[in-house]
N, C-alpha and C. Protein backbone atom coordinates (compact mmCIF):
# COMPACT_ATOMS: atom_id res chain seq x y z
N MET A 1 49.25 -5.36 54.06
CA MET A 1 50.56 -5.54 54.43
C MET A 1 51.34 -6.36 53.66
N THR A 2 52.64 -5.84 53.32
CA THR A 2 53.52 -7.10 52.38
C THR A 2 54.59 -7.27 53.46
N LYS A 3 54.79 -8.60 53.03
CA LYS A 3 56.12 -9.26 53.55
C LYS A 3 57.48 -8.87 53.18
N PRO A 4 58.45 -8.73 54.08
CA PRO A 4 59.69 -8.32 53.46
C PRO A 4 60.31 -9.46 52.75
N ALA A 5 61.19 -8.78 51.64
CA ALA A 5 61.80 -10.00 50.76
C ALA A 5 62.56 -10.74 51.28
N ALA A 6 62.59 -12.10 50.95
CA ALA A 6 63.25 -13.28 51.82
C ALA A 6 64.82 -13.24 50.96
N PRO A 7 65.68 -13.48 52.31
CA PRO A 7 67.18 -13.15 51.80
C PRO A 7 67.49 -14.46 50.88
N LYS A 8 68.15 -14.07 49.80
CA LYS A 8 68.66 -14.80 48.76
C LYS A 8 69.61 -15.90 49.40
N ARG A 9 69.25 -17.24 48.79
CA ARG A 9 70.19 -18.38 49.26
C ARG A 9 71.39 -18.43 48.48
N HIS A 10 72.34 -19.01 48.86
CA HIS A 10 73.38 -19.37 48.14
C HIS A 10 73.19 -20.94 47.43
N LEU A 11 73.50 -20.63 46.15
CA LEU A 11 73.63 -22.00 45.39
C LEU A 11 74.73 -22.72 45.28
N PRO A 12 74.73 -23.89 45.45
CA PRO A 12 76.06 -24.48 45.53
C PRO A 12 76.76 -24.46 43.97
N THR A 13 76.14 -24.21 42.87
CA THR A 13 77.18 -24.19 41.68
C THR A 13 77.14 -22.77 41.36
N SER A 14 76.99 -21.90 42.25
CA SER A 14 77.49 -20.37 42.15
C SER A 14 78.99 -20.24 42.26
N PRO A 15 79.40 -19.24 41.10
CA PRO A 15 80.81 -19.02 41.30
C PRO A 15 81.49 -18.36 42.34
N PHE A 16 80.50 -17.41 42.94
CA PHE A 16 80.72 -16.66 44.10
C PHE A 16 80.98 -17.14 45.46
N LYS A 17 81.73 -16.96 46.36
CA LYS A 17 81.77 -17.32 47.63
C LYS A 17 80.43 -16.99 48.14
N ALA A 18 80.00 -17.94 49.34
CA ALA A 18 78.81 -17.76 50.11
C ALA A 18 78.96 -16.56 51.24
N PRO A 19 78.31 -15.84 51.44
CA PRO A 19 78.34 -14.89 52.53
C PRO A 19 78.71 -15.26 53.72
N VAL A 20 79.54 -14.84 54.45
CA VAL A 20 79.84 -15.24 55.73
C VAL A 20 78.95 -14.73 57.02
N PRO A 21 78.14 -15.32 57.57
CA PRO A 21 77.40 -14.70 58.69
C PRO A 21 78.09 -14.02 59.99
N PRO A 22 77.48 -12.93 60.40
CA PRO A 22 78.42 -12.22 61.19
C PRO A 22 78.31 -13.13 62.70
N ALA A 23 79.41 -13.08 63.33
CA ALA A 23 79.59 -13.89 64.57
C ALA A 23 78.78 -13.29 65.58
N PRO A 24 78.09 -14.28 66.40
CA PRO A 24 77.23 -13.82 67.35
C PRO A 24 77.89 -13.04 68.46
N LYS A 25 76.96 -11.92 69.00
CA LYS A 25 77.60 -11.04 70.16
C LYS A 25 77.62 -11.83 71.26
N HIS A 26 78.45 -11.60 72.15
CA HIS A 26 78.75 -12.34 73.54
C HIS A 26 78.83 -10.93 74.62
N PHE A 27 78.17 -11.26 75.76
CA PHE A 27 78.10 -10.18 76.81
C PHE A 27 78.47 -11.12 77.98
N ASP A 28 79.42 -10.51 78.95
CA ASP A 28 79.68 -10.84 79.97
C ASP A 28 78.94 -10.12 81.08
N MET A 29 78.99 -10.81 82.54
CA MET A 29 78.22 -10.11 83.70
C MET A 29 79.21 -8.78 83.83
N GLY A 30 78.26 -7.66 84.10
CA GLY A 30 79.42 -6.63 84.55
C GLY A 30 79.28 -5.43 83.01
N ASP A 31 79.14 -6.14 81.92
CA ASP A 31 79.68 -5.34 80.76
C ASP A 31 78.85 -4.09 80.76
N GLN A 32 79.19 -2.83 80.37
CA GLN A 32 78.29 -1.76 80.34
C GLN A 32 77.91 -1.80 78.77
N VAL A 33 76.64 -1.67 78.47
CA VAL A 33 75.92 -1.61 77.29
C VAL A 33 75.03 -0.52 76.79
N THR A 34 74.73 -0.34 75.48
CA THR A 34 73.69 0.46 75.28
C THR A 34 72.76 0.01 74.23
N HIS A 35 71.70 0.30 74.50
CA HIS A 35 70.51 -0.29 73.94
C HIS A 35 69.72 1.10 73.02
N ASP A 36 69.14 0.70 71.41
CA ASP A 36 68.66 1.53 70.84
C ASP A 36 67.40 2.09 71.57
N VAL A 37 66.66 1.54 72.24
CA VAL A 37 65.49 1.71 72.87
C VAL A 37 65.61 2.21 74.51
N TYR A 38 66.26 1.32 75.32
CA TYR A 38 66.14 1.73 76.60
C TYR A 38 67.49 2.63 76.90
N GLY A 39 68.62 2.75 76.24
CA GLY A 39 69.52 3.66 76.44
C GLY A 39 70.79 2.87 77.27
N LEU A 40 71.72 3.41 78.02
CA LEU A 40 72.75 2.79 78.75
C LEU A 40 72.17 1.50 79.94
N GLY A 41 72.91 0.58 79.88
CA GLY A 41 72.77 -0.05 81.21
C GLY A 41 73.96 -0.88 81.37
N ARG A 42 73.77 -2.21 82.26
CA ARG A 42 74.92 -2.82 82.67
C ARG A 42 74.29 -4.34 82.95
N VAL A 43 75.07 -5.44 82.26
CA VAL A 43 74.67 -6.61 82.17
C VAL A 43 74.47 -7.17 83.37
N ILE A 44 73.19 -7.75 84.14
CA ILE A 44 73.38 -8.34 85.42
C ILE A 44 73.26 -9.87 85.12
N GLY A 45 72.57 -10.45 84.24
CA GLY A 45 72.65 -12.00 84.22
C GLY A 45 72.72 -12.30 82.93
N ILE A 46 72.96 -13.49 82.85
CA ILE A 46 73.29 -13.90 81.47
C ILE A 46 72.38 -15.30 81.39
N GLU A 47 71.72 -15.57 80.41
CA GLU A 47 71.14 -16.93 80.01
C GLU A 47 71.95 -17.48 78.57
N ASP A 48 72.96 -18.38 78.61
CA ASP A 48 73.68 -18.54 77.48
C ASP A 48 72.98 -18.80 76.10
N GLY A 49 73.43 -18.14 75.22
CA GLY A 49 73.03 -17.93 74.24
C GLY A 49 71.49 -17.80 73.69
N VAL A 50 70.77 -17.47 74.96
CA VAL A 50 69.41 -17.07 74.80
C VAL A 50 69.04 -15.87 75.07
N ALA A 51 69.48 -14.98 76.24
CA ALA A 51 69.10 -13.76 76.71
C ALA A 51 69.92 -13.07 77.65
N ALA A 52 69.86 -12.03 77.73
CA ALA A 52 70.70 -11.30 78.84
C ALA A 52 69.80 -10.44 79.52
N LEU A 53 70.12 -10.37 81.00
CA LEU A 53 69.38 -9.39 81.92
C LEU A 53 70.13 -8.12 82.12
N VAL A 54 69.63 -7.12 81.85
CA VAL A 54 70.21 -5.74 81.76
C VAL A 54 69.60 -4.81 82.49
N ASP A 55 69.94 -4.07 83.56
CA ASP A 55 69.68 -3.16 84.38
C ASP A 55 70.02 -1.87 83.69
N PHE A 56 68.84 -0.94 83.25
CA PHE A 56 68.77 0.06 82.63
C PHE A 56 68.46 1.29 83.42
N GLY A 57 68.84 1.17 85.06
CA GLY A 57 68.52 2.08 85.92
C GLY A 57 67.21 2.23 86.39
N SER A 58 66.22 2.74 85.72
CA SER A 58 64.87 2.78 86.12
C SER A 58 64.17 1.43 85.82
N THR A 59 64.77 0.37 85.10
CA THR A 59 64.05 -0.89 84.88
C THR A 59 64.85 -1.71 84.28
N GLN A 60 64.69 -3.31 84.79
CA GLN A 60 65.31 -4.22 84.35
C GLN A 60 64.80 -5.03 83.21
N MET A 61 65.70 -5.05 82.02
CA MET A 61 64.77 -5.98 80.63
C MET A 61 65.62 -7.24 80.62
N ARG A 62 65.04 -7.93 80.06
CA ARG A 62 65.56 -9.36 79.26
C ARG A 62 65.60 -9.20 78.01
N ILE A 63 66.75 -9.01 77.34
CA ILE A 63 66.99 -8.60 75.92
C ILE A 63 67.41 -10.14 75.43
N LEU A 64 66.56 -10.60 74.33
CA LEU A 64 66.89 -11.88 73.70
C LEU A 64 67.78 -11.75 72.94
N SER A 65 68.67 -12.66 72.41
CA SER A 65 69.57 -12.88 71.59
C SER A 65 68.80 -12.83 70.07
N PRO A 66 69.24 -12.42 69.01
CA PRO A 66 70.81 -11.77 68.74
C PRO A 66 71.06 -10.73 68.94
N TYR A 67 70.55 -9.81 69.91
CA TYR A 67 71.08 -8.56 70.64
C TYR A 67 71.07 -7.62 69.25
N ALA A 68 70.22 -7.60 68.57
CA ALA A 68 70.18 -6.55 67.06
C ALA A 68 70.22 -5.21 67.89
N LYS A 69 69.87 -4.81 68.87
CA LYS A 69 69.65 -3.23 69.22
C LYS A 69 70.78 -3.03 70.23
N MET A 70 71.46 -4.03 70.53
CA MET A 70 72.18 -3.54 71.81
C MET A 70 73.69 -3.97 71.68
N THR A 71 74.69 -2.91 72.05
CA THR A 71 76.14 -3.22 71.61
C THR A 71 76.79 -2.77 72.95
N LYS A 72 78.09 -3.33 73.00
CA LYS A 72 78.98 -3.53 74.30
C LYS A 72 79.89 -2.07 74.08
N LEU A 73 79.79 -1.23 75.27
CA LEU A 73 80.68 -0.20 75.31
C LEU A 73 82.02 -0.47 75.82
């Protein structure tokens, strides 16, 4: 098994601008969301910057930040 390639770092002497990191996603109580694995759900709890508790109907899941597979509808 091979490791994925490490992201390239920006050198201070580079003539190109450093890449801008994407803004972190922010969810509020009651937001309707979709998750790539669990489907449609509603945010029922928030742990600031750590996780979101989401009710997907049949189950409740604690989705950890950075919420890569979850988007707000």
